[in-house]
């Protein structure tokens, strides 16, 4: 039983070590040179959302005469 446990432990450790070596030897992927949107677009979208929230919050409520 002790020998089986030793063999199992050795097998698991060796697979982890071999997998680590194989992963470190892999060629890294080429970087994506595609640019994202400009910073001003994010600020513009943020301003539009902020303006929408402000406009909705200052709209008068339509209350009846019984309120």
N, C-alpha and C. Protein backbone atom coordinates (compact mmCIF):
# COMPACT_ATOMS: atom_id res chain seq x y z
N UNK A 1 0.82 -1.19 0.00
CA UNK A 1 0.00 0.00 0.00
C UNK A 1 0.87 1.26 0.00
N UNK A 2 1.95 1.20 0.77
CA UNK A 2 2.86 2.34 0.84
C UNK A 2 3.55 2.56 -0.50
N UNK A 3 3.88 1.50 -1.18
CA UNK A 3 4.53 1.61 -2.49
C UNK A 3 3.58 2.22 -3.51
N UNK A 4 2.32 1.84 -3.46
CA UNK A 4 1.32 2.39 -4.37
C UNK A 4 1.16 3.90 -4.14
N UNK A 5 1.16 4.29 -2.88
CA UNK A 5 1.04 5.71 -2.56
C UNK A 5 2.26 6.48 -3.06
N UNK A 6 3.44 5.89 -2.92
CA UNK A 6 4.66 6.53 -3.40
C UNK A 6 4.65 6.66 -4.91
N UNK A 7 4.22 5.62 -5.61
CA UNK A 7 4.16 5.66 -7.07
C UNK A 7 3.14 6.71 -7.54
N UNK A 8 2.02 6.77 -6.88
CA UNK A 8 0.99 7.74 -7.26
C UNK A 8 1.50 9.17 -7.04
N UNK A 9 2.15 9.40 -5.92
CA UNK A 9 2.69 10.73 -5.64
C UNK A 9 3.77 11.11 -6.66
N UNK A 10 4.63 10.17 -6.99
CA UNK A 10 5.68 10.42 -7.97
C UNK A 10 5.09 10.72 -9.34
N UNK A 11 4.08 9.99 -9.73
CA UNK A 11 3.42 10.20 -11.02
C UNK A 11 2.78 11.59 -11.08
N UNK A 12 2.07 11.97 -10.03
CA UNK A 12 1.42 13.28 -10.03
C UNK A 12 2.43 14.42 -10.05
N UNK A 13 3.49 14.28 -9.28
CA UNK A 13 4.51 15.33 -9.25
C UNK A 13 5.24 15.43 -10.58
N UNK A 14 5.51 14.30 -11.21
CA UNK A 14 6.23 14.33 -12.48
C UNK A 14 5.37 14.95 -13.57
N UNK A 15 4.07 14.69 -13.57
CA UNK A 15 3.22 15.31 -14.59
C UNK A 15 3.13 16.82 -14.39
N UNK A 16 3.11 17.26 -13.15
CA UNK A 16 3.08 18.71 -12.89
C UNK A 16 4.38 19.36 -13.35
N UNK A 17 5.50 18.72 -13.06
CA UNK A 17 6.79 19.28 -13.45
C UNK A 17 6.92 19.29 -14.97
N UNK A 18 6.55 18.21 -15.63
CA UNK A 18 6.65 18.16 -17.09
C UNK A 18 5.72 19.17 -17.76
N UNK A 19 4.54 19.34 -17.20
CA UNK A 19 3.60 20.31 -17.76
C UNK A 19 4.13 21.73 -17.60
N UNK A 20 4.77 22.01 -16.48
CA UNK A 20 5.34 23.33 -16.25
C UNK A 20 6.48 23.60 -17.22
N UNK A 21 7.31 22.62 -17.46
CA UNK A 21 8.41 22.78 -18.41
C UNK A 21 7.87 22.99 -19.81
N UNK A 22 6.86 22.24 -20.19
CA UNK A 22 6.28 22.38 -21.53
C UNK A 22 5.62 23.74 -21.70
N UNK A 23 4.96 24.23 -20.66
CA UNK A 23 4.30 25.53 -20.76
C UNK A 23 5.31 26.66 -20.85
N UNK A 24 6.43 26.52 -20.17
CA UNK A 24 7.44 27.59 -20.23
C UNK A 24 8.20 27.56 -21.54
N UNK A 25 8.23 26.44 -22.22
CA UNK A 25 8.94 26.34 -23.49
C UNK A 25 8.09 26.77 -24.67
N UNK A 26 6.79 26.98 -24.45
CA UNK A 26 5.90 27.37 -25.54
C UNK A 26 6.21 28.79 -26.00
N UNK A 27 6.02 29.04 -27.27
CA UNK A 27 6.26 30.36 -27.84
C UNK A 27 5.10 31.28 -27.46
N UNK A 28 5.38 32.46 -26.94
CA UNK A 28 4.30 33.36 -26.56
C UNK A 28 3.55 33.86 -27.79
N UNK A 29 2.27 34.16 -27.66
CA UNK A 29 1.51 34.63 -28.81
C UNK A 29 1.96 36.03 -29.23
N UNK A 30 1.74 36.34 -30.49
CA UNK A 30 2.09 37.67 -30.97
C UNK A 30 1.11 38.69 -30.40
N UNK A 31 1.59 39.86 -30.04
CA UNK A 31 0.70 40.86 -29.43
C UNK A 31 -0.30 41.41 -30.45
N UNK A 32 -1.45 41.77 -29.94
CA UNK A 32 -2.48 42.35 -30.78
C UNK A 32 -2.20 43.85 -30.89
N UNK A 33 -1.94 44.33 -32.10
CA UNK A 33 -1.59 45.73 -32.28
C UNK A 33 -2.81 46.59 -32.61
N UNK A 34 -3.96 46.01 -32.54
CA UNK A 34 -5.19 46.76 -32.82
C UNK A 34 -5.45 47.73 -31.67
N UNK A 35 -5.67 48.99 -32.00
CA UNK A 35 -5.87 50.00 -30.96
C UNK A 35 -7.33 50.05 -30.55
N UNK A 36 -7.54 50.38 -29.29
CA UNK A 36 -8.88 50.54 -28.76
C UNK A 36 -9.42 51.93 -29.07
N UNK A 37 -10.61 52.23 -28.60
CA UNK A 37 -11.18 53.56 -28.85
C UNK A 37 -10.40 54.64 -28.10
N UNK A 38 -10.49 55.84 -28.61
CA UNK A 38 -9.76 56.96 -28.00
C UNK A 38 -10.36 57.31 -26.64
N UNK A 39 -9.58 57.99 -25.82
CA UNK A 39 -10.02 58.34 -24.47
C UNK A 39 -11.17 59.33 -24.51
N UNK A 40 -11.17 60.23 -25.47
CA UNK A 40 -12.23 61.24 -25.52
C UNK A 40 -13.59 60.60 -25.80
N UNK A 41 -13.61 59.46 -26.46
CA UNK A 41 -14.89 58.79 -26.70
C UNK A 41 -15.48 58.28 -25.38
N UNK A 42 -14.65 57.78 -24.51
CA UNK A 42 -15.13 57.33 -23.21
C UNK A 42 -15.64 58.49 -22.37
N UNK A 43 -14.90 59.61 -22.41
CA UNK A 43 -15.35 60.78 -21.67
C UNK A 43 -16.66 61.33 -22.24
N UNK A 44 -16.79 61.31 -23.57
CA UNK A 44 -18.03 61.78 -24.19
C UNK A 44 -19.22 60.91 -23.81
N UNK A 45 -19.02 59.61 -23.81
CA UNK A 45 -20.10 58.70 -23.42
C UNK A 45 -20.46 58.89 -21.95
N UNK A 46 -19.46 59.09 -21.11
CA UNK A 46 -19.72 59.33 -19.70
C UNK A 46 -20.50 60.63 -19.51
N UNK A 47 -20.16 61.66 -20.26
CA UNK A 47 -20.89 62.93 -20.18
C UNK A 47 -22.33 62.75 -20.62
N UNK A 48 -22.57 61.99 -21.69
CA UNK A 48 -23.95 61.78 -22.16
C UNK A 48 -24.78 61.05 -21.10
N UNK A 49 -24.22 60.03 -20.49
CA UNK A 49 -24.96 59.32 -19.43
C UNK A 49 -25.23 60.24 -18.24
N UNK A 50 -24.24 61.03 -17.88
CA UNK A 50 -24.41 61.96 -16.76
C UNK A 50 -25.49 62.99 -17.08
N UNK A 51 -25.46 63.54 -18.29
CA UNK A 51 -26.47 64.52 -18.69
C UNK A 51 -27.86 63.89 -18.71
N UNK A 52 -27.96 62.64 -19.16
CA UNK A 52 -29.25 61.96 -19.16
C UNK A 52 -29.79 61.77 -17.76
N UNK A 53 -28.95 61.41 -16.83
CA UNK A 53 -29.39 61.22 -15.44
C UNK A 53 -29.82 62.54 -14.84
N UNK A 54 -29.07 63.60 -15.11
CA UNK A 54 -29.43 64.92 -14.57
C UNK A 54 -30.75 65.39 -15.16
N UNK A 55 -30.93 65.23 -16.47
CA UNK A 55 -32.18 65.67 -17.10
C UNK A 55 -33.38 64.90 -16.58
N UNK A 56 -33.24 63.62 -16.39
CA UNK A 56 -34.36 62.83 -15.87
C UNK A 56 -34.66 63.21 -14.43
N UNK A 57 -33.63 63.51 -13.66
CA UNK A 57 -33.86 63.82 -12.25
C UNK A 57 -34.49 65.20 -12.04
N UNK A 58 -34.32 66.13 -12.97
CA UNK A 58 -34.92 67.46 -12.79
C UNK A 58 -36.25 67.60 -13.51
N UNK A 59 -36.72 66.55 -14.15
CA UNK A 59 -38.04 66.62 -14.79
C UNK A 59 -39.11 66.78 -13.72
N UNK A 60 -40.08 67.64 -13.96
CA UNK A 60 -41.14 67.80 -12.96
C UNK A 60 -42.03 66.56 -12.92
N UNK A 61 -42.49 66.25 -11.72
CA UNK A 61 -43.38 65.10 -11.60
C UNK A 61 -44.80 65.52 -11.95
N UNK A 62 -45.55 64.64 -12.54
CA UNK A 62 -46.92 64.94 -12.95
C UNK A 62 -47.85 64.44 -11.85
N UNK A 63 -48.07 65.28 -10.88
CA UNK A 63 -48.94 64.90 -9.78
C UNK A 63 -50.32 65.51 -9.98
N UNK A 64 -51.27 64.78 -9.52
CA UNK A 64 -52.64 65.27 -9.62
C UNK A 64 -52.97 66.22 -8.47
N UNK A 65 -54.18 66.74 -8.48
CA UNK A 65 -54.58 67.68 -7.44
C UNK A 65 -54.85 66.99 -6.10
N UNK A 66 -54.93 65.68 -6.08
CA UNK A 66 -55.22 64.97 -4.83
C UNK A 66 -53.95 64.57 -4.07
N UNK A 67 -52.78 64.83 -4.61
CA UNK A 67 -51.53 64.44 -3.93
C UNK A 67 -51.18 65.35 -2.81
